[in-house]
Protein backbone atom coordinates (compact mmCIF):
# COMPACT_ATOMS: atom_id res chain seq x y z
CA MET A 1 25.20 -131.83 22.85
CA ARG A 2 27.77 -133.02 20.59
CA SER A 3 29.15 -130.33 19.15
CA GLY A 4 29.47 -128.91 22.79
CA ALA A 5 27.63 -127.52 25.08
CA LYS A 6 29.16 -123.75 26.73
CA VAL A 7 28.71 -122.08 30.19
CA ALA A 8 30.15 -118.49 30.19
CA VAL A 9 29.32 -115.10 32.24
CA VAL A 10 27.30 -112.91 30.83
CA GLY A 11 26.80 -109.79 32.79
CA GLY A 12 28.04 -111.31 36.03
CA VAL A 13 25.34 -114.16 35.59
CA PHE A 14 26.25 -117.60 34.08
CA VAL A 15 24.08 -118.53 31.32
CA VAL A 16 24.89 -122.25 29.13
CA VAL A 17 24.83 -121.53 25.31
CA ALA A 18 24.25 -124.52 23.27
CA GLY A 19 24.25 -124.27 19.11
CA GLY A 20 23.94 -120.36 19.37
CA VAL A 21 20.81 -120.34 21.91
CA ALA A 22 21.61 -118.64 25.49
CA TYR A 23 19.73 -120.48 27.81
CA GLY A 24 19.11 -118.65 31.12
CA GLY A 25 18.13 -119.98 34.44
CA TYR A 26 14.60 -118.90 34.37
CA THR A 27 13.30 -120.45 30.60
CA PHE A 28 13.37 -123.66 30.90
CA LEU A 29 11.47 -125.05 33.35
CA ALA A 30 8.28 -124.20 32.27
CA GLY A 31 5.51 -126.36 32.71
CA ASP A 32 2.38 -127.77 31.24
CA ASP A 33 -1.02 -128.06 33.11
CA ASN A 34 -1.48 -130.90 30.66
CA GLU A 35 1.00 -133.56 32.10
CA PRO A 36 1.95 -136.29 29.35
CA ALA A 37 1.55 -140.09 31.05
CA LYS A 38 4.47 -140.99 33.38
CA LYS A 39 7.17 -142.27 30.79
CA THR A 40 9.29 -145.65 31.48
CA GLY A 41 12.55 -147.15 30.39
CA PRO A 42 16.15 -145.95 29.68
CA PRO A 43 16.34 -142.04 28.95
CA THR A 44 16.08 -141.05 25.31
CA ALA A 45 19.34 -139.58 23.36
CA GLU A 46 17.25 -136.00 23.13
CA GLU A 47 15.88 -136.75 27.07
CA VAL A 48 19.34 -136.75 28.03
CA GLN A 49 21.23 -134.01 25.78
CA GLN A 50 18.10 -131.55 27.21
CA THR A 51 18.81 -132.50 31.01
CA THR A 52 21.95 -132.40 30.53
CA LYS A 53 21.10 -128.65 29.05
CA ASP A 54 18.90 -127.84 31.41
CA PHE A 55 20.88 -128.41 34.63
CA LEU A 56 24.01 -127.11 33.26
CA ALA A 57 21.62 -123.75 32.86
CA ALA A 58 20.26 -123.81 36.22
CA TRP A 59 24.40 -124.59 37.90
CA ALA A 60 25.70 -122.24 35.80
CA ALA A 61 23.23 -119.06 36.54
CA GLY A 62 23.42 -119.63 40.56
CA ASP A 63 20.11 -121.41 41.02
CA ALA A 64 20.94 -124.11 43.04
CA ALA A 65 17.63 -124.91 43.78
CA LYS A 66 16.20 -125.08 40.35
CA ALA A 67 19.66 -127.28 39.42
CA ALA A 68 19.19 -129.53 42.42
CA LYS A 69 15.29 -130.83 41.61
CA LEU A 70 16.58 -131.70 38.02
CA THR A 71 18.32 -134.49 40.13
CA THR A 72 17.69 -137.69 41.54
CA ASP A 73 18.41 -136.16 44.72
CA ALA A 74 17.36 -132.50 45.52
CA ALA A 75 17.98 -132.43 49.02
CA ALA A 76 21.34 -133.17 48.99
CA ALA A 77 23.04 -131.75 45.49
CA GLU A 78 21.34 -127.91 46.73
CA PRO A 79 24.07 -127.03 49.11
CA LEU A 80 27.27 -128.54 47.12
CA LEU A 81 25.58 -126.79 44.02
CA ALA A 82 25.11 -123.24 46.16
CA GLY A 83 28.05 -123.75 47.67
CA TYR A 84 29.99 -123.71 44.28
CA ARG A 85 29.73 -119.64 44.62
CA THR A 86 28.83 -118.88 48.17
CA GLU A 87 32.11 -121.81 49.50
CA ALA A 88 33.97 -122.83 46.60
CA LYS A 89 34.56 -119.00 45.72
CA VAL A 90 33.93 -119.84 41.85
CA SER A 91 33.31 -116.57 40.19
CA ASP A 92 32.98 -117.53 36.62
CA ALA A 93 33.49 -120.67 34.32
CA LYS A 94 33.30 -122.05 31.66
CA ILE A 95 31.80 -125.60 30.73
CA THR A 96 31.70 -127.80 27.61
CA ALA A 97 30.34 -131.03 26.89
CA GLY A 98 31.99 -133.66 25.35
CA ALA A 99 30.12 -136.12 23.45
CA THR A 100 26.94 -138.38 25.15
CA LEU A 101 27.73 -141.56 25.72
CA GLY A 102 24.83 -143.26 26.36
CA SER A 103 23.48 -141.73 29.01
CA LYS A 104 26.09 -140.10 30.57
CA VAL A 105 28.01 -136.68 29.61
CA PRO A 106 31.54 -135.79 30.36
CA PHE A 107 32.16 -132.24 30.76
CA SER A 108 34.82 -129.98 31.67
CA VAL A 109 35.24 -126.78 33.11
CA GLN A 110 37.29 -123.75 33.55
CA ALA A 111 36.29 -121.37 36.42
CA THR A 112 38.28 -119.19 38.45
CA VAL A 113 38.10 -118.59 42.15
CA THR A 114 38.32 -115.55 43.58
CA HIS A 115 39.00 -115.26 47.80
CA GLU A 116 38.97 -110.75 48.83
CA SER A 117 41.50 -109.08 45.97
CA THR A 118 43.10 -112.68 44.28
CA SER A 119 41.92 -114.32 41.21
CA LYS A 120 43.22 -118.11 40.13
CA PRO A 121 42.04 -120.16 36.89
CA TRP A 122 41.33 -123.91 37.65
CA SER A 123 40.14 -126.10 36.31
CA TYR A 124 39.10 -130.01 35.69
CA SER A 125 36.69 -132.71 34.19
CA SER A 126 33.64 -134.51 35.51
CA GLU A 127 30.36 -136.29 33.97
CA LEU A 128 26.75 -136.82 34.41
CA THR A 129 24.37 -139.53 34.02
CA VAL A 130 20.71 -139.16 33.17
CA VAL A 131 18.54 -141.84 34.63
CA ARG A 132 14.60 -141.82 34.60
CA GLY A 133 13.51 -141.15 37.95
CA VAL A 134 11.30 -144.01 39.81
CA LYS A 135 8.86 -141.21 40.95
CA THR A 136 8.19 -138.61 38.26
CA GLY A 137 9.21 -140.59 35.40
CA LYS A 138 11.18 -136.99 34.12
CA ALA A 139 14.86 -137.69 33.00
CA LEU A 140 17.34 -136.29 35.13
CA VAL A 141 20.71 -136.30 36.42
CA ASP A 142 21.41 -139.25 38.56
CA TRP A 143 22.78 -137.40 42.03
CA LYS A 144 26.11 -137.95 43.23
CA PRO A 145 28.72 -135.47 44.40
CA THR A 146 31.40 -136.27 41.76
CA VAL A 147 29.09 -134.81 39.56
CA VAL A 148 30.50 -131.23 41.13
CA HIS A 149 34.07 -132.04 41.11
CA PRO A 150 35.24 -135.63 41.14
CA LYS A 151 37.12 -135.47 44.15
CA LEU A 152 34.02 -134.87 46.40
CA THR A 153 32.54 -137.95 48.92
CA LYS A 154 29.39 -137.76 50.32
CA GLY A 155 29.50 -135.47 53.27
CA ALA A 156 32.77 -133.52 51.59
CA THR A 157 32.20 -130.03 50.71
CA LEU A 158 34.29 -127.01 48.71
CA LYS A 159 35.74 -124.16 50.32
CA THR A 160 38.35 -121.73 49.21
CA ALA A 161 39.44 -119.70 52.76
CA PRO A 162 42.81 -119.50 54.74
CA ALA A 163 44.20 -122.43 54.86
CA SER A 164 43.22 -124.25 58.11
CA ALA A 165 47.28 -125.07 58.72
CA ALA A 166 50.42 -124.63 56.96
CA PRO A 167 51.92 -126.66 54.15
CA ILE A 168 54.97 -128.87 55.20
CA LYS A 169 57.21 -130.36 54.03
CA ALA A 170 57.99 -133.95 54.80
CA VAL A 171 61.44 -135.48 55.49
CA ASP A 172 62.35 -139.04 56.06
CA ARG A 173 64.09 -139.88 58.69
CA ASN A 174 67.89 -138.96 56.85
CA GLY A 175 66.42 -135.68 55.93
CA LYS A 176 65.27 -136.24 51.74
CA GLU A 177 62.53 -134.63 51.19
CA LEU A 178 59.11 -136.92 50.33
CA SER A 179 57.22 -135.18 47.72
CA LYS A 180 53.86 -136.49 46.22
CA GLU A 181 55.62 -136.80 42.77
CA THR A 182 57.64 -139.07 44.02
CA TYR A 183 55.78 -140.98 46.60
CA PRO A 184 52.19 -140.72 45.76
CA SER A 185 51.15 -142.75 48.15
CA LEU A 186 52.14 -140.50 51.03
CA THR A 187 49.68 -137.77 49.59
CA ALA A 188 46.87 -138.59 51.96
CA VAL A 189 49.30 -139.15 55.33
CA VAL A 190 51.48 -135.83 54.32
CA GLU A 191 47.73 -134.02 54.33
CA ALA A 192 47.10 -135.74 57.66
CA LEU A 193 50.54 -134.54 59.06
CA ARG A 194 49.68 -131.10 57.95
CA LYS A 195 46.42 -130.53 59.58
CA LYS A 196 47.70 -131.89 63.35
CA TYR A 197 51.57 -130.51 62.77
CA GLY A 198 51.13 -127.51 59.99
CA ALA A 199 50.92 -125.01 62.69
CA THR A 200 53.69 -125.87 64.50
CA ALA A 201 56.33 -126.99 61.68
CA GLY A 202 57.32 -123.06 60.93
CA GLY A 203 55.13 -122.58 57.69
CA THR A 204 52.62 -119.57 57.10
CA PRO A 205 49.88 -120.80 55.78
CA GLY A 206 48.13 -119.49 52.13
CA VAL A 207 44.88 -118.99 50.72
CA GLU A 208 43.58 -122.36 49.36
CA LEU A 209 40.75 -124.23 47.29
CA VAL A 210 39.93 -127.25 49.00
CA VAL A 211 38.17 -130.54 49.56
CA SER A 212 36.58 -130.49 53.58
CA SER A 213 35.43 -133.95 54.42
CA PRO A 214 33.44 -134.61 57.29
CA ASP A 215 35.67 -136.71 58.68
CA GLU A 216 37.66 -135.24 61.13
CA ASN A 217 40.32 -138.87 60.80
CA VAL A 218 39.94 -137.07 56.86
CA ALA A 219 42.34 -134.40 56.41
CA ASP A 220 41.29 -131.73 53.44
CA HIS A 221 42.83 -132.10 50.20
CA THR A 222 44.02 -129.35 48.78
CA LEU A 223 42.18 -128.68 44.85
CA LEU A 224 44.47 -124.87 44.57
CA ALA A 225 46.32 -122.55 45.71
CA LEU A 226 45.24 -118.97 45.29
CA THR A 227 48.65 -118.36 47.26
CA GLU A 228 51.03 -120.27 48.36
CA GLY A 229 52.08 -120.33 52.10
CA LYS A 230 55.55 -120.87 53.34
CA PRO A 231 56.07 -124.69 54.27
CA GLY A 232 57.66 -125.76 57.69
CA GLU A 233 59.87 -128.81 57.51
CA LEU A 234 58.24 -131.94 59.33
CA LYS A 235 60.79 -135.04 59.60
CA THR A 236 58.97 -138.63 59.53
CA THR A 237 60.02 -141.54 60.48
CA ILE A 238 59.78 -143.15 56.79
CA ASP A 239 62.68 -144.74 55.03
CA ALA A 240 63.12 -142.75 51.34
CA ALA A 241 64.75 -146.60 50.52
CA VAL A 242 61.96 -148.74 52.04
CA GLN A 243 59.29 -146.53 50.63
CA ALA A 244 60.06 -146.35 47.25
CA ALA A 245 60.06 -150.53 47.50
CA ALA A 246 57.24 -150.32 49.12
CA GLU A 247 55.54 -147.42 46.10
CA LYS A 248 57.13 -150.33 43.35
CA ALA A 249 55.90 -153.36 44.99
CA VAL A 250 51.68 -152.07 45.51
CA GLN A 251 52.00 -150.65 41.52
CA ALA A 252 52.66 -154.47 40.42
CA ALA A 253 49.96 -155.95 42.88
CA GLY A 254 47.10 -154.22 41.76
CA GLN A 255 44.71 -152.52 44.74
CA ALA A 256 46.84 -153.30 47.53
CA SER A 257 48.40 -152.05 50.27
CA VAL A 258 51.93 -152.47 52.91
CA VAL A 259 53.19 -151.04 56.01
CA ALA A 260 56.56 -151.33 56.98
CA ILE A 261 57.44 -151.03 60.82
CA LYS A 262 61.38 -151.29 63.01
CA PRO A 263 60.25 -153.91 65.25
CA SER A 264 62.89 -152.75 67.81
CA THR A 265 61.39 -148.85 67.87
CA GLY A 266 57.85 -149.14 66.12
CA GLU A 267 59.21 -146.59 63.76
CA ILE A 268 56.99 -146.61 60.63
CA ARG A 269 59.28 -147.26 57.59
CA ALA A 270 57.14 -147.22 54.25
CA ILE A 271 53.11 -146.58 54.02
CA ALA A 272 51.61 -147.80 50.62
CA ASN A 273 48.49 -147.67 48.72
CA SER A 274 47.44 -148.53 45.17
CA PRO A 275 45.66 -146.82 43.75
CA ALA A 276 48.01 -144.10 45.06
CA GLY A 277 46.79 -140.10 46.23
CA GLY A 278 43.09 -141.83 47.42
CA TYR A 279 42.22 -143.26 50.85
CA ASN A 280 44.66 -144.83 52.69
CA THR A 281 43.59 -148.25 52.71
CA ALA A 282 47.30 -149.36 55.08
CA MET A 283 46.44 -147.39 57.88
CA LEU A 284 42.87 -146.85 58.02
CA GLY A 285 41.08 -150.02 56.26
CA ALA A 286 39.55 -152.37 58.28
CA GLN A 287 38.70 -155.79 56.81
CA ALA A 288 39.50 -159.67 58.14
CA PRO A 289 43.21 -160.26 57.84
CA GLY A 290 42.51 -163.94 57.22
CA SER A 291 45.34 -166.92 58.63
CA THR A 292 48.02 -164.31 59.22
CA MET A 293 46.55 -163.77 62.94
CA LYS A 294 47.05 -167.16 63.86
CA ILE A 295 50.05 -165.33 64.98
CA VAL A 296 48.07 -164.23 67.97
CA SER A 297 45.90 -166.93 68.23
CA ALA A 298 49.48 -169.00 68.20
CA ALA A 299 49.81 -166.57 71.15
CA MET A 300 46.77 -167.79 72.71
CA MET A 301 47.05 -170.81 72.72
CA LEU A 302 50.65 -170.87 74.17
CA GLU A 303 49.42 -168.58 76.95
CA HIS A 304 46.45 -170.80 78.15
CA GLY A 305 48.76 -174.63 77.56
CA LEU A 306 47.03 -175.29 74.84
CA VAL A 307 49.91 -176.33 73.57
CA GLU A 308 54.25 -175.79 75.35
CA GLY A 309 56.26 -174.94 72.04
CA ALA A 310 56.91 -175.47 68.42
CA ASP A 311 57.56 -179.07 68.94
CA THR A 312 54.60 -180.33 70.70
CA LYS A 313 51.97 -182.26 68.72
CA VAL A 314 49.19 -181.25 67.54
CA GLU A 315 46.00 -182.49 65.21
CA CYS A 316 45.44 -181.51 61.64
CA PRO A 317 42.44 -183.83 60.27
CA LYS A 318 41.27 -182.85 56.92
CA THR A 319 37.97 -181.16 58.81
CA VAL A 320 37.03 -180.36 62.25
CA GLN A 321 32.84 -179.82 63.28
CA TRP A 322 31.75 -176.78 65.69
CA ASN A 323 28.13 -175.93 66.78
CA GLY A 324 26.79 -177.35 63.43
CA ARG A 325 29.43 -176.42 60.44
CA THR A 326 32.78 -177.56 58.98
CA PHE A 327 35.57 -175.87 58.93
CA GLU A 328 38.12 -177.48 56.60
CA ASN A 329 41.76 -177.06 55.10
CA LEU A 330 42.44 -175.86 51.71
CA LYS A 331 41.84 -178.55 49.58
CA GLN A 332 40.89 -180.55 52.70
CA PHE A 333 45.12 -181.47 53.47
CA GLU A 334 45.90 -183.36 56.71
CA LEU A 335 48.88 -183.61 58.51
CA VAL A 336 49.40 -187.42 60.45
CA ASP A 337 50.28 -186.32 63.97
CA PRO A 338 52.49 -182.67 62.92
CA THR A 339 53.95 -180.86 65.44
CA PHE A 340 52.90 -177.58 66.13
CA ARG A 341 55.51 -175.88 63.70
CA GLN A 342 54.59 -178.06 60.75
CA ALA A 343 51.15 -177.62 61.28
CA PHE A 344 51.50 -173.42 61.51
CA ALA A 345 53.56 -173.57 58.30
CA ARG A 346 51.19 -175.60 56.63
CA SER A 347 48.22 -172.98 57.78
CA CYS A 348 46.11 -176.28 58.59
CA ASN A 349 43.20 -174.13 60.14
CA THR A 350 41.91 -177.62 61.86
CA THR A 351 44.58 -177.12 64.53
CA PHE A 352 43.53 -173.93 66.24
CA ILE A 353 40.06 -174.78 65.40
CA LYS A 354 40.44 -177.66 67.88
CA ALA A 355 41.47 -175.18 70.11
CA ILE A 356 37.98 -173.72 70.97
CA LYS A 357 36.92 -176.93 73.03
CA PRO A 358 39.40 -176.24 75.72
CA LEU A 359 38.60 -173.43 76.01
CA THR A 360 35.16 -173.69 75.64
CA ASP A 361 35.36 -175.70 79.28
CA LYS A 362 37.70 -173.07 80.67
CA GLY A 363 34.59 -170.54 79.75
CA VAL A 364 36.73 -168.30 77.72
CA ALA A 365 36.85 -169.71 74.08
CA GLY A 366 34.54 -165.80 72.45
CA THR A 367 36.73 -163.91 74.84
CA ALA A 368 40.89 -165.41 75.28
CA LEU A 369 41.74 -164.58 71.14
CA GLY A 370 40.36 -160.67 72.09
CA GLU A 371 42.24 -160.59 74.73
CA THR A 372 45.52 -161.83 73.97
CA ALA A 373 45.37 -159.01 71.14
CA ARG A 374 44.93 -156.52 73.25
CA LYS A 375 47.67 -157.51 75.95
CA TYR A 376 50.58 -158.18 74.34
CA PHE A 377 50.18 -157.07 71.14
CA GLY A 378 48.08 -153.71 72.00
CA ILE A 379 45.51 -153.88 69.46
CA GLY A 380 42.51 -151.59 69.99
CA LEU A 381 44.09 -149.47 72.60
CA ASP A 382 43.90 -146.37 70.17
CA TRP A 383 47.18 -146.39 69.21
CA LYS A 384 48.73 -142.43 68.15
CA THR A 385 51.09 -142.69 65.81
CA GLY A 386 51.04 -138.92 64.54
CA ALA A 387 48.70 -139.85 61.71
CA SER A 388 44.63 -141.28 61.18
CA SER A 389 44.83 -144.77 61.83
CA TYR A 390 42.87 -147.69 62.93
CA ASP A 391 44.05 -150.50 65.14
CA GLY A 392 42.19 -153.49 64.99
CA LYS A 393 39.50 -155.20 66.63
CA VAL A 394 39.34 -158.35 68.21
CA PRO A 395 35.26 -158.37 69.66
CA GLU A 396 34.13 -161.03 71.49
CA SER A 397 32.49 -163.95 69.64
CA GLY A 398 30.19 -166.86 70.36
CA GLY A 399 29.37 -169.88 68.35
CA THR A 400 30.93 -170.71 64.85
CA GLU A 401 31.90 -167.06 64.90
CA THR A 402 34.05 -167.79 67.28
CA ALA A 403 35.93 -170.78 65.29
CA ALA A 404 35.96 -168.55 62.67
CA SER A 405 37.60 -165.70 64.62
CA TYR A 406 40.62 -168.51 65.25
CA ILE A 407 41.87 -168.26 61.68
CA GLY A 408 41.29 -164.75 61.01
CA GLN A 409 37.37 -164.36 59.80
CA GLY A 410 34.18 -163.59 61.38
CA LYS A 411 34.05 -160.04 63.38
CA ILE A 412 37.47 -159.85 63.47
CA THR A 413 38.94 -156.50 61.18
CA MET A 414 42.38 -155.60 60.58
CA ASN A 415 44.46 -153.67 58.15
CA ALA A 416 48.31 -153.84 56.95
CA LEU A 417 49.40 -151.80 59.82
CA THR A 418 47.86 -153.52 62.74
CA MET A 419 49.11 -156.88 60.93
CA ALA A 420 53.06 -155.06 60.27
CA SER A 421 52.82 -154.42 64.00
CA ILE A 422 52.01 -157.79 64.90
CA SER A 423 54.91 -159.61 62.82
CA ALA A 424 57.22 -156.56 65.22
CA THR A 425 55.95 -157.52 68.18
CA ALA A 426 56.60 -161.38 67.06
CA LYS A 427 59.83 -160.36 66.11
CA HIS A 428 60.77 -158.22 68.75
CA GLY A 429 59.76 -159.75 71.68
CA ALA A 430 57.31 -156.68 72.88
CA PHE A 431 55.10 -154.40 71.28
CA LYS A 432 56.09 -151.00 70.19
CA GLN A 433 53.25 -148.62 69.32
CA PRO A 434 53.91 -147.74 65.39
CA VAL A 435 54.55 -144.04 65.12
CA ILE A 436 55.19 -141.91 61.76
CA VAL A 437 57.21 -138.96 63.47
CA PRO A 438 58.99 -138.86 66.92
CA GLN A 439 56.61 -139.11 69.82
CA SER A 440 59.40 -136.02 71.18
CA LEU A 441 57.17 -133.42 68.51
CA ASP A 442 53.67 -133.46 70.95
CA ASP A 443 55.00 -135.83 73.76
CA ARG A 444 51.59 -137.78 72.77
CA GLU A 445 51.10 -140.53 75.00
CA LEU A 446 51.64 -143.96 73.35
CA ALA A 447 49.61 -147.11 73.75
CA THR A 448 51.88 -149.94 76.03
CA ALA A 449 51.21 -153.81 76.51
CA THR A 450 52.82 -156.00 78.43
CA PRO A 451 55.94 -157.72 76.86
CA LEU A 452 55.39 -161.99 75.35
CA PRO A 453 57.03 -164.31 78.15
CA ALA A 454 60.53 -165.16 76.46
CA ALA A 455 59.22 -169.01 76.06
CA THR A 456 56.84 -167.45 73.52
CA ALA A 457 58.31 -165.03 72.20
CA ASP A 458 60.97 -167.64 70.96
CA THR A 459 57.93 -169.98 69.63
CA LEU A 460 56.30 -167.50 68.07
CA ARG A 461 59.66 -167.11 65.75
CA ALA A 462 60.41 -170.32 65.10
CA LEU A 463 56.69 -170.69 63.56
CA MET A 464 56.86 -167.81 61.42
CA ARG A 465 60.64 -168.82 60.63
CA ALA A 466 59.02 -172.04 59.44
CA ASP A 467 56.69 -170.46 57.35
CA ALA A 468 59.27 -168.16 55.42
CA THR A 469 61.55 -171.67 55.35
CA THR A 470 59.31 -174.46 54.58
CA GLY A 471 56.09 -173.65 54.50
CA SER A 472 53.50 -172.18 52.95
CA GLY A 473 55.88 -168.26 52.82
CA GLN A 474 58.60 -170.29 51.30
CA LYS A 475 58.31 -169.25 47.54
CA PRO A 476 57.80 -165.62 48.60
CA MET A 477 60.04 -164.96 51.14
CA ALA A 478 63.00 -167.66 49.33
CA SER A 479 64.68 -163.59 47.85
CA VAL A 480 64.45 -162.40 51.24
CA PRO A 481 68.33 -162.67 52.97
CA GLY A 482 68.85 -163.32 56.52
CA ASP A 483 66.93 -164.06 59.73
CA LYS A 484 63.31 -164.00 58.32
CA GLY A 485 59.68 -165.64 59.19
CA SER A 486 55.97 -165.05 57.51
CA LYS A 487 52.63 -166.28 57.75
CA THR A 488 50.51 -166.31 55.09
CA GLY A 489 46.65 -165.66 55.03
CA SER A 490 43.44 -165.39 52.66
CA ALA A 491 39.93 -164.04 53.84
CA GLU A 492 37.41 -164.59 51.74
CA VAL A 493 34.83 -161.95 52.05
CA GLY A 494 31.28 -161.39 50.66
CA GLY A 495 30.66 -160.32 47.33
CA GLN A 496 33.71 -161.36 45.95
CA THR A 497 34.77 -164.35 44.30
CA LYS A 498 38.37 -164.71 45.06
CA SER A 499 39.60 -164.20 48.60
CA ASN A 500 42.27 -161.39 50.01
CA SER A 501 45.38 -162.28 49.73
CA TRP A 502 46.73 -161.44 52.81
CA PHE A 503 51.19 -161.67 53.96
CA THR A 504 53.38 -160.31 56.55
CA GLY A 505 56.82 -160.96 57.69
CA PHE A 506 60.00 -160.23 59.19
CA ALA A 507 63.44 -159.93 58.01
CA GLY A 508 65.98 -158.34 60.40
CA ASP A 509 65.22 -155.33 62.24
CA LEU A 510 62.06 -154.65 59.64
CA ALA A 511 58.20 -156.61 59.18
CA ALA A 512 55.89 -155.80 56.60
CA ALA A 513 52.47 -156.58 55.57
CA ALA A 514 50.53 -156.17 52.75
CA ALA A 515 47.27 -156.73 51.68
CA VAL A 516 46.09 -157.46 47.90
CA GLN A 517 41.57 -157.01 47.04
CA SER A 518 40.96 -160.55 45.53
CA GLY A 519 44.35 -161.41 45.46
CA GLY A 520 44.07 -165.02 46.00
CA ARG A 521 45.92 -166.64 48.62
CA GLY A 522 48.42 -165.17 50.55
CA GLY A 523 51.19 -166.15 48.97
CA GLU A 524 50.39 -165.60 45.42
CA SER A 525 50.20 -161.82 45.87
CA ALA A 526 50.65 -160.15 49.13
CA GLY A 527 53.80 -162.19 49.76
CA PRO A 528 56.02 -160.91 47.10
CA VAL A 529 54.67 -157.56 47.92
CA VAL A 530 55.92 -158.19 51.35
CA ALA A 531 59.46 -159.33 50.14
CA GLN A 532 59.88 -156.78 48.16
CA VAL A 533 59.56 -154.20 50.82
CA LEU A 534 61.76 -156.79 53.50
CA LYS A 535 64.95 -156.55 50.72
CA ALA A 536 64.91 -153.09 50.81
CA LYS A 537 65.99 -152.75 54.73
């Protein structure tokens, strides 16, 4: 295998060629009535080489059943391997294995895809790993869909056929083309828009090889166009300048996502993810948002009369107990006789958890936050943005989970889209459902919510302005000009040594939110992302 193994077509049948010897699909699986004792431990180098050669030979020969038996999950492997010829319509291929790297074997594929009378070359690289079978002790290919193609995920398939929708040329609000080369984060978004609006955008479909996902929220991903379709033009609400800033900001932050929204209209101005081109975490992610959720918690406290405004005196002790669990502020700081404005700006956890007792006395402690989130911020109301999106969840809670939810932990799940919308709602004073294409395009029904009471909106803006100018958001927001507000957050996630970083804010008529995986405190990682986007307004 170190010198390379090749798969070619001889007489219309795939074979593997290694060291000058051809291996068909039927000669290498001969068994022995006297089976050796079950082996243990990692596969040897010889076993890795032989298993790889045998697997590639069976796959190449089109014998999916035999190839599948050489994997750790034959039931999952067989239909995908069979579909390589019947569904993906690979008519011939040459596979060249690289040097083994322990138990891993990289390989490259040069293939031809044929649909009716049209053929086109297709090439890519992947890898396989050989492991010891738990039950049999045999060396087997560790089955993952990525063995067949690196873009395949569980349940996804390769398919060559006339495209289900015509291609689209997505443009921003000013008519500038949003190409995937310039704006790679929009790749998944544009694919989703094509799936929904391609048939009505005026284009004509071509024949394509795609990764087809079982998830209806995930659009087909085109790997190869056998015949080019004619794209139709689709105008979006994206602003190319803001999008460019968002792309640059997340690339510098690591594994991150950001969304920007125009508060007065709900129009989405930017969507960016890093790494780009993969899962659209910015719109589909679902994670605890940490203290950025205190914007909603503050609205809940105002609604239930627990505070009257930004200058109401509150408590901010080092720690607070609820149902036998101790909750604390960062490094157990405390504020003496603070106002609500000061406690919010310093992100005092204990101030918000102390709201549980009076709400418990009212019998609404476990439901009040979710009701406020739905009633005023539109959370969980089935948003129809124009592309696939997750609009957040604030479920009913009990016990210590209720305390955790008031500071954005527990079972609350949000993403950059929903948190940007929450800031946008606070800035504008009313929820405007986010959209990426105009409602007039298809007359879809948008979600609506009750406008915030004027006094509540004024207080939320005052709290967020304090955070941006004198509180935990001051450092990242210092470079943002004009009227501005923010809220920091960090969310602990099981299995991570460092918390996720969250930040949301507004400046003028633009709101944004970002999340950075394992980024730590909100102002350190997510804050600079949001600030960079807000400065592009």
